[in-house]
Amino acid sequence: MTTIFRTTVEELDERFLASIKAAFRDGAIEISVSEADETAYLLSNPTNRARLLQAVAEVEAGVNVVTPEQAMFQ
């Protein structure tokens, strides 16, 4: 069984360890820690990817861009 946990350093506590122990009751486990690539994570969902790439294209084309000044008056 493989499980990927996405968490923050602040959330690493005894409850987190207890959840790992509960999920993998028997045998040896391997733990690998790496810095999360948020961009890859956000683009991994096809629907989210399409929406984000559309938003980037709109910004590059100057379409649907809201400046902070405009946002204050909406």
PDB file of N, CA and C in Angstrom:
ATOM      1  N   MET A   1       0.841  -1.174   0.000  1.00  0.00           N
ATOM      2  CA  MET A   1       0.000   0.000   0.000  1.00  0.00           C
ATOM      3  C   MET A   1       0.890   1.241   0.000  1.00  0.00           C
ATOM      4  N   THR A   2       0.502   2.215  -0.785  1.00  0.00           N
ATOM      5  CA  THR A   2       1.215   3.482  -0.834  1.00  0.00           C
ATOM      6  C   THR A   2       0.246   4.601  -0.477  1.00  0.00           C
ATOM      7  N   THR A   3       0.676   5.490   0.367  1.00  0.00           N
ATOM      8  CA  THR A   3      -0.120   6.648   0.757  1.00  0.00           C
ATOM      9  C   THR A   3       0.776   7.872   0.712  1.00  0.00           C
ATOM     10  N   ILE A   4       0.262   8.950   0.157  1.00  0.00           N
ATOM     11  CA  ILE A   4       1.000  10.207   0.139  1.00  0.00           C
ATOM     12  C   ILE A   4       0.305  11.170   1.087  1.00  0.00           C
ATOM     13  N   PHE A   5       1.057  11.706   2.012  1.00  0.00           N
ATOM     14  CA  PHE A   5       0.544  12.698   2.951  1.00  0.00           C
ATOM     15  C   PHE A   5       1.064  14.055   2.509  1.00  0.00           C
ATOM     16  N   ARG A   6       0.190  15.010   2.338  1.00  0.00           N
ATOM     17  CA  ARG A   6       0.594  16.394   2.070  1.00  0.00           C
ATOM     18  C   ARG A   6       0.266  17.173   3.323  1.00  0.00           C
ATOM     19  N   THR A   7       1.276  17.749   3.925  1.00  0.00           N
ATOM     20  CA  THR A   7       1.083  18.426   5.195  1.00  0.00           C
ATOM     21  C   THR A   7       2.077  19.570   5.315  1.00  0.00           C
ATOM     22  N   THR A   8       1.971  20.297   6.387  1.00  0.00           N
ATOM     23  CA  THR A   8       2.932  21.356   6.679  1.00  0.00           C
ATOM     24  C   THR A   8       3.775  20.923   7.865  1.00  0.00           C
ATOM     25  N   VAL A   9       4.886  21.581   8.036  1.00  0.00           N
ATOM     26  CA  VAL A   9       5.761  21.264   9.159  1.00  0.00           C
ATOM     27  C   VAL A   9       5.014  21.464  10.480  1.00  0.00           C
ATOM     28  N   GLU A  10       4.177  22.489  10.540  1.00  0.00           N
ATOM     29  CA  GLU A  10       3.431  22.775  11.769  1.00  0.00           C
ATOM     30  C   GLU A  10       2.468  21.641  12.148  1.00  0.00           C
ATOM     31  N   GLU A  11       2.009  20.889  11.155  1.00  0.00           N
ATOM     32  CA  GLU A  11       1.054  19.802  11.421  1.00  0.00           C
ATOM     33  C   GLU A  11       1.726  18.489  11.823  1.00  0.00           C
ATOM     34  N   LEU A  12       3.038  18.426  11.783  1.00  0.00           N
ATOM     35  CA  LEU A  12       3.741  17.215  12.193  1.00  0.00           C
ATOM     36  C   LEU A  12       3.724  17.135  13.717  1.00  0.00           C
ATOM     37  N   ASP A  13       2.890  16.250  14.232  1.00  0.00           N
ATOM     38  CA  ASP A  13       2.766  16.106  15.678  1.00  0.00           C
ATOM     39  C   ASP A  13       2.461  14.647  16.013  1.00  0.00           C
ATOM     40  N   GLU A  14       2.173  14.375  17.258  1.00  0.00           N
ATOM     41  CA  GLU A  14       1.892  13.000  17.706  1.00  0.00           C
ATOM     42  C   GLU A  14       0.661  12.415  17.013  1.00  0.00           C
ATOM     43  N   ARG A  15      -0.341  13.237  16.718  1.00  0.00           N
ATOM     44  CA  ARG A  15      -1.536  12.736  16.016  1.00  0.00           C
ATOM     45  C   ARG A  15      -1.185  12.268  14.609  1.00  0.00           C
ATOM     46  N   PHE A  16      -0.307  12.999  13.950  1.00  0.00           N
ATOM     47  CA  PHE A  16       0.126  12.612  12.611  1.00  0.00           C
ATOM     48  C   PHE A  16       0.833  11.263  12.654  1.00  0.00           C
ATOM     49  N   LEU A  17       1.756  11.107  13.591  1.00  0.00           N
ATOM     50  CA  LEU A  17       2.450   9.820  13.741  1.00  0.00           C
ATOM     51  C   LEU A  17       1.472   8.700  14.078  1.00  0.00           C
ATOM     52  N   ALA A  18       0.502   8.989  14.926  1.00  0.00           N
ATOM     53  CA  ALA A  18      -0.495   7.975  15.281  1.00  0.00           C
ATOM     54  C   ALA A  18      -1.301   7.549  14.056  1.00  0.00           C
ATOM     55  N   SER A  19      -1.600   8.492  13.160  1.00  0.00           N
ATOM     56  CA  SER A  19      -2.367   8.134  11.958  1.00  0.00           C
ATOM     57  C   SER A  19      -1.545   7.243  11.033  1.00  0.00           C
ATOM     58  N   ILE A  20      -0.242   7.487  10.960  1.00  0.00           N
ATOM     59  CA  ILE A  20       0.618   6.618  10.151  1.00  0.00           C
ATOM     60  C   ILE A  20       0.686   5.224  10.765  1.00  0.00           C
ATOM     61  N   LYS A  21       0.856   5.167  12.072  1.00  0.00           N
ATOM     62  CA  LYS A  21       0.908   3.868  12.745  1.00  0.00           C
ATOM     63  C   LYS A  21      -0.387   3.096  12.559  1.00  0.00           C
ATOM     64  N   ALA A  22      -1.521   3.790  12.583  1.00  0.00           N
ATOM     65  CA  ALA A  22      -2.810   3.123  12.406  1.00  0.00           C
ATOM     66  C   ALA A  22      -2.987   2.613  10.971  1.00  0.00           C
ATOM     67  N   ALA A  23      -2.493   3.369  10.007  1.00  0.00           N
ATOM     68  CA  ALA A  23      -2.645   2.980   8.604  1.00  0.00           C
ATOM     69  C   ALA A  23      -1.736   1.816   8.229  1.00  0.00           C
ATOM     70  N   PHE A  24      -0.561   1.757   8.853  1.00  0.00           N
ATOM     71  CA  PHE A  24       0.427   0.721   8.531  1.00  0.00           C
ATOM     72  C   PHE A  24       0.755  -0.059   9.802  1.00  0.00           C
ATOM     73  N   ARG A  25      -0.172  -0.864  10.234  1.00  0.00           N
ATOM     74  CA  ARG A  25      -0.048  -1.567  11.514  1.00  0.00           C
ATOM     75  C   ARG A  25       1.104  -2.570  11.543  1.00  0.00           C
ATOM     76  N   ASP A  26       1.289  -3.312  10.475  1.00  0.00           N
ATOM     77  CA  ASP A  26       2.269  -4.394  10.479  1.00  0.00           C
ATOM     78  C   ASP A  26       3.399  -4.116   9.497  1.00  0.00           C
ATOM     79  N   GLY A  27       4.573  -4.602   9.831  1.00  0.00           N
ATOM     80  CA  GLY A  27       5.687  -4.567   8.893  1.00  0.00           C
ATOM     81  C   GLY A  27       6.468  -3.277   8.909  1.00  0.00           C
ATOM     82  N   ALA A  28       7.404  -3.230   7.994  1.00  0.00           N
ATOM     83  CA  ALA A  28       8.283  -2.078   7.881  1.00  0.00           C
ATOM     84  C   ALA A  28       7.674  -1.055   6.932  1.00  0.00           C
ATOM     85  N   ILE A  29       8.005   0.203   7.147  1.00  0.00           N
ATOM     86  CA  ILE A  29       7.566   1.266   6.252  1.00  0.00           C
ATOM     87  C   ILE A  29       8.778   2.082   5.829  1.00  0.00           C
ATOM     88  N   GLU A  30       8.619   2.826   4.769  1.00  0.00           N
ATOM     89  CA  GLU A  30       9.661   3.725   4.285  1.00  0.00           C
ATOM     90  C   GLU A  30       9.074   5.121   4.267  1.00  0.00           C
ATOM     91  N   ILE A  31       9.780   6.073   4.849  1.00  0.00           N
ATOM     92  CA  ILE A  31       9.307   7.450   4.871  1.00  0.00           C
ATOM     93  C   ILE A  31      10.294   8.301   4.089  1.00  0.00           C
ATOM     94  N   SER A  32       9.776   9.031   3.113  1.00  0.00           N
ATOM     95  CA  SER A  32      10.584   9.941   2.308  1.00  0.00           C
ATOM     96  C   SER A  32       9.984  11.339   2.470  1.00  0.00           C
ATOM     97  N   VAL A  33      10.811  12.306   2.793  1.00  0.00           N
ATOM     98  CA  VAL A  33      10.334  13.667   3.001  1.00  0.00           C
ATOM     99  C   VAL A  33      10.948  14.566   1.937  1.00  0.00           C
ATOM    100  N   SER A  34      10.107  15.350   1.269  1.00  0.00           N
ATOM    101  CA  SER A  34      10.596  16.304   0.280  1.00  0.00           C
ATOM    102  C   SER A  34       9.740  17.556   0.334  1.00  0.00           C
ATOM    103  N   GLU A  35      10.292  18.611  -0.165  1.00  0.00           N
ATOM    104  CA  GLU A  35       9.553  19.859  -0.222  1.00  0.00           C
ATOM    105  C   GLU A  35       8.487  19.734  -1.300  1.00  0.00           C
ATOM    106  N   ALA A  36       7.263  20.100  -0.980  1.00  0.00           N
ATOM    107  CA  ALA A  36       6.150  19.962  -1.908  1.00  0.00           C
ATOM    108  C   ALA A  36       6.268  20.966  -3.045  1.00  0.00           C
ATOM    109  N   ASP A  37       5.961  20.507  -4.240  1.00  0.00           N
ATOM    110  CA  ASP A  37       5.905  21.371  -5.417  1.00  0.00           C
ATOM    111  C   ASP A  37       4.449  21.742  -5.624  1.00  0.00           C
ATOM    112  N   GLU A  38       4.053  22.887  -5.123  1.00  0.00           N
ATOM    113  CA  GLU A  38       2.650  23.300  -5.171  1.00  0.00           C
ATOM    114  C   GLU A  38       2.140  23.436  -6.596  1.00  0.00           C
ATOM    115  N   THR A  39       2.991  23.894  -7.505  1.00  0.00           N
ATOM    116  CA  THR A  39       2.549  24.061  -8.886  1.00  0.00           C
ATOM    117  C   THR A  39       2.192  22.720  -9.494  1.00  0.00           C
ATOM    118  N   ALA A  40       3.040  21.733  -9.305  1.00  0.00           N
ATOM    119  CA  ALA A  40       2.751  20.401  -9.850  1.00  0.00           C
ATOM    120  C   ALA A  40       1.481  19.838  -9.241  1.00  0.00           C
ATOM    121  N   TYR A  41       1.289  20.041  -7.947  1.00  0.00           N
ATOM    122  CA  TYR A  41       0.091  19.548  -7.281  1.00  0.00           C
ATOM    123  C   TYR A  41      -1.164  20.210  -7.855  1.00  0.00           C
ATOM    124  N   LEU A  42      -1.136  21.524  -8.023  1.00  0.00           N
ATOM    125  CA  LEU A  42      -2.298  22.232  -8.544  1.00  0.00           C
ATOM    126  C   LEU A  42      -2.601  21.852  -9.992  1.00  0.00           C
ATOM    127  N   LEU A  43      -1.568  21.544 -10.759  1.00  0.00           N
ATOM    128  CA  LEU A  43      -1.771  21.184 -12.158  1.00  0.00           C
ATOM    129  C   LEU A  43      -2.077  19.704 -12.358  1.00  0.00           C
ATOM    130  N   SER A  44      -2.023  18.905 -11.309  1.00  0.00           N
ATOM    131  CA  SER A  44      -2.249  17.464 -11.450  1.00  0.00           C
ATOM    132  C   SER A  44      -3.716  17.113 -11.704  1.00  0.00           C
ATOM    133  N   ASN A  45      -4.646  17.968 -11.312  1.00  0.00           N
ATOM    134  CA  ASN A  45      -6.064  17.742 -11.557  1.00  0.00           C
ATOM    135  C   ASN A  45      -6.408  18.364 -12.914  1.00  0.00           C
ATOM    136  N   PRO A  46      -6.931  17.583 -13.874  1.00  0.00           N
ATOM    137  CA  PRO A  46      -7.190  18.108 -15.220  1.00  0.00           C
ATOM    138  C   PRO A  46      -8.121  19.333 -15.241  1.00  0.00           C
ATOM    139  N   THR A  47      -9.162  19.328 -14.434  1.00  0.00           N
ATOM    140  CA  THR A  47     -10.088  20.462 -14.399  1.00  0.00           C
ATOM    141  C   THR A  47      -9.400  21.702 -13.851  1.00  0.00           C
ATOM    142  N   ASN A  48      -8.685  21.531 -12.755  1.00  0.00           N
ATOM    143  CA  ASN A  48      -7.956  22.639 -12.147  1.00  0.00           C
ATOM    144  C   ASN A  48      -6.878  23.152 -13.103  1.00  0.00           C
ATOM    145  N   ARG A  49      -6.192  22.226 -13.760  1.00  0.00           N
ATOM    146  CA  ARG A  49      -5.137  22.587 -14.710  1.00  0.00           C
ATOM    147  C   ARG A  49      -5.705  23.460 -15.823  1.00  0.00           C
ATOM    148  N   ALA A  50      -6.824  23.059 -16.406  1.00  0.00           N
ATOM    149  CA  ALA A  50      -7.434  23.823 -17.498  1.00  0.00           C
ATOM    150  C   ALA A  50      -7.806  25.224 -17.032  1.00  0.00           C
ATOM    151  N   ARG A  51      -8.384  25.334 -15.849  1.00  0.00           N
ATOM    152  CA  ARG A  51      -8.798  26.639 -15.328  1.00  0.00           C
ATOM    153  C   ARG A  51      -7.584  27.528 -15.056  1.00  0.00           C
ATOM    154  N   LEU A  52      -6.535  26.971 -14.454  1.00  0.00           N
ATOM    155  CA  LEU A  52      -5.347  27.762 -14.165  1.00  0.00           C
ATOM    156  C   LEU A  52      -4.642  28.223 -15.443  1.00  0.00           C
ATOM    157  N   LEU A  53      -4.534  27.333 -16.429  1.00  0.00           N
ATOM    158  CA  LEU A  53      -3.886  27.708 -17.688  1.00  0.00           C
ATOM    159  C   LEU A  53      -4.713  28.750 -18.438  1.00  0.00           C
ATOM    160  N   GLN A  54      -6.036  28.662 -18.349  1.00  0.00           N
ATOM    161  CA  GLN A  54      -6.909  29.668 -18.953  1.00  0.00           C
ATOM    162  C   GLN A  54      -6.708  31.016 -18.275  1.00  0.00           C
ATOM    163  N   ALA A  55      -6.593  31.010 -16.946  1.00  0.00           N
ATOM    164  CA  ALA A  55      -6.375  32.250 -16.198  1.00  0.00           C
ATOM    165  C   ALA A  55      -5.035  32.881 -16.584  1.00  0.00           C
ATOM    166  N   VAL A  56      -4.002  32.078 -16.740  1.00  0.00           N
ATOM    167  CA  VAL A  56      -2.696  32.593 -17.155  1.00  0.00           C
ATOM    168  C   VAL A  56      -2.801  33.213 -18.545  1.00  0.00           C
ATOM    169  N   ALA A  57      -3.481  32.536 -19.457  1.00  0.00           N
ATOM    170  CA  ALA A  57      -3.647  33.061 -20.816  1.00  0.00           C
ATOM    171  C   ALA A  57      -4.406  34.382 -20.799  1.00  0.00           C
ATOM    172  N   GLU A  58      -5.423  34.483 -19.947  1.00  0.00           N
ATOM    173  CA  GLU A  58      -6.189  35.729 -19.845  1.00  0.00           C
ATOM    174  C   GLU A  58      -5.323  36.868 -19.313  1.00  0.00           C
ATOM    175  N   VAL A  59      -4.516  36.603 -18.319  1.00  0.00           N
ATOM    176  CA  VAL A  59      -3.629  37.635 -17.777  1.00  0.00           C
ATOM    177  C   VAL A  59      -2.638  38.077 -18.846  1.00  0.00           C
ATOM    178  N   GLU A  60      -2.061  37.118 -19.545  1.00  0.00           N
ATOM    179  CA  GLU A  60      -1.098  37.457 -20.598  1.00  0.00           C
ATOM    180  C   GLU A  60      -1.737  38.280 -21.709  1.00  0.00           C
ATOM    181  N   ALA A  61      -3.035  38.039 -21.974  1.00  0.00           N
ATOM    182  CA  ALA A  61      -3.756  38.781 -23.015  1.00  0.00           C
ATOM    183  C   ALA A  61      -4.368  40.073 -22.476  1.00  0.00           C
ATOM    184  N   GLY A  62      -4.271  40.295 -21.169  1.00  0.00           N
ATOM    185  CA  GLY A  62      -4.858  41.495 -20.578  1.00  0.00           C
ATOM    186  C   GLY A  62      -6.363  41.423 -20.441  1.00  0.00           C
ATOM    187  N   VAL A  63      -6.920  40.216 -20.424  1.00  0.00           N
ATOM    188  CA  VAL A  63      -8.365  40.008 -20.320  1.00  0.00           C
ATOM    189  C   VAL A  63      -8.719  39.576 -18.907  1.00  0.00           C
ATOM    190  N   ASN A  64      -9.827  40.104 -18.375  1.00  0.00           N
ATOM    191  CA  ASN A  64     -10.302  39.742 -17.039  1.00  0.00           C
ATOM    192  C   ASN A  64      -9.270  39.984 -15.944  1.00  0.00           C
ATOM    193  N   VAL A  65      -8.484  41.036 -16.100  1.00  0.00           N
ATOM    194  CA  VAL A  65      -7.474  41.377 -15.108  1.00  0.00           C
ATOM    195  C   VAL A  65      -8.063  42.421 -14.167  1.00  0.00           C
ATOM    196  N   VAL A  66      -7.989  42.160 -12.887  1.00  0.00           N
ATOM    197  CA  VAL A  66      -8.490  43.098 -11.887  1.00  0.00           C
ATOM    198  C   VAL A  66      -7.298  43.599 -11.080  1.00  0.00           C
ATOM    199  N   THR A  67      -7.118  44.914 -11.050  1.00  0.00           N
ATOM    200  CA  THR A  67      -6.030  45.500 -10.280  1.00  0.00           C
ATOM    201  C   THR A  67      -6.494  45.698  -8.843  1.00  0.00           C
ATOM    202  N   PRO A  68      -5.569  45.855  -7.904  1.00  0.00           N
ATOM    203  CA  PRO A  68      -5.967  46.086  -6.511  1.00  0.00           C
ATOM    204  C   PRO A  68      -6.886  47.298  -6.349  1.00  0.00           C
ATOM    205  N   GLU A  69      -6.632  48.330  -7.149  1.00  0.00           N
ATOM    206  CA  GLU A  69      -7.479  49.518  -7.072  1.00  0.00           C
ATOM    207  C   GLU A  69      -8.908  49.202  -7.500  1.00  0.00           C
ATOM    208  N   GLN A  70      -9.064  48.418  -8.563  1.00  0.00           N
ATOM    209  CA  GLN A  70     -10.392  48.020  -9.026  1.00  0.00           C
ATOM    210  C   GLN A  70     -11.077  47.128  -7.998  1.00  0.00           C
ATOM    211  N   ALA A  71     -10.331  46.244  -7.390  1.00  0.00           N
ATOM    212  CA  ALA A  71     -10.903  45.302  -6.416  1.00  0.00           C
ATOM    213  C   ALA A  71     -11.477  46.030  -5.216  1.00  0.00           C
ATOM    214  N   MET A  72     -10.890  47.162  -4.828  1.00  0.00           N
ATOM    215  CA  MET A  72     -11.391  47.917  -3.675  1.00  0.00           C
ATOM    216  C   MET A  72     -12.784  48.443  -3.912  1.00  0.00           C
ATOM    217  N   PHE A  73     -13.145  48.730  -5.140  1.00  0.00           N
ATOM    218  CA  PHE A  73     -14.422  49.364  -5.433  1.00  0.00           C
ATOM    219  C   PHE A  73     -15.469  48.383  -5.932  1.00  0.00           C
ATOM    220  N   GLN A  74     -15.189  47.114  -5.881  1.00  0.00           N
ATOM    221  CA  GLN A  74     -16.177  46.123  -6.337  1.00  0.00           C
ATOM    222  C   GLN A  74     -16.978  45.611  -5.185  1.00  0.00           C
TER     223      GLN A  74
END
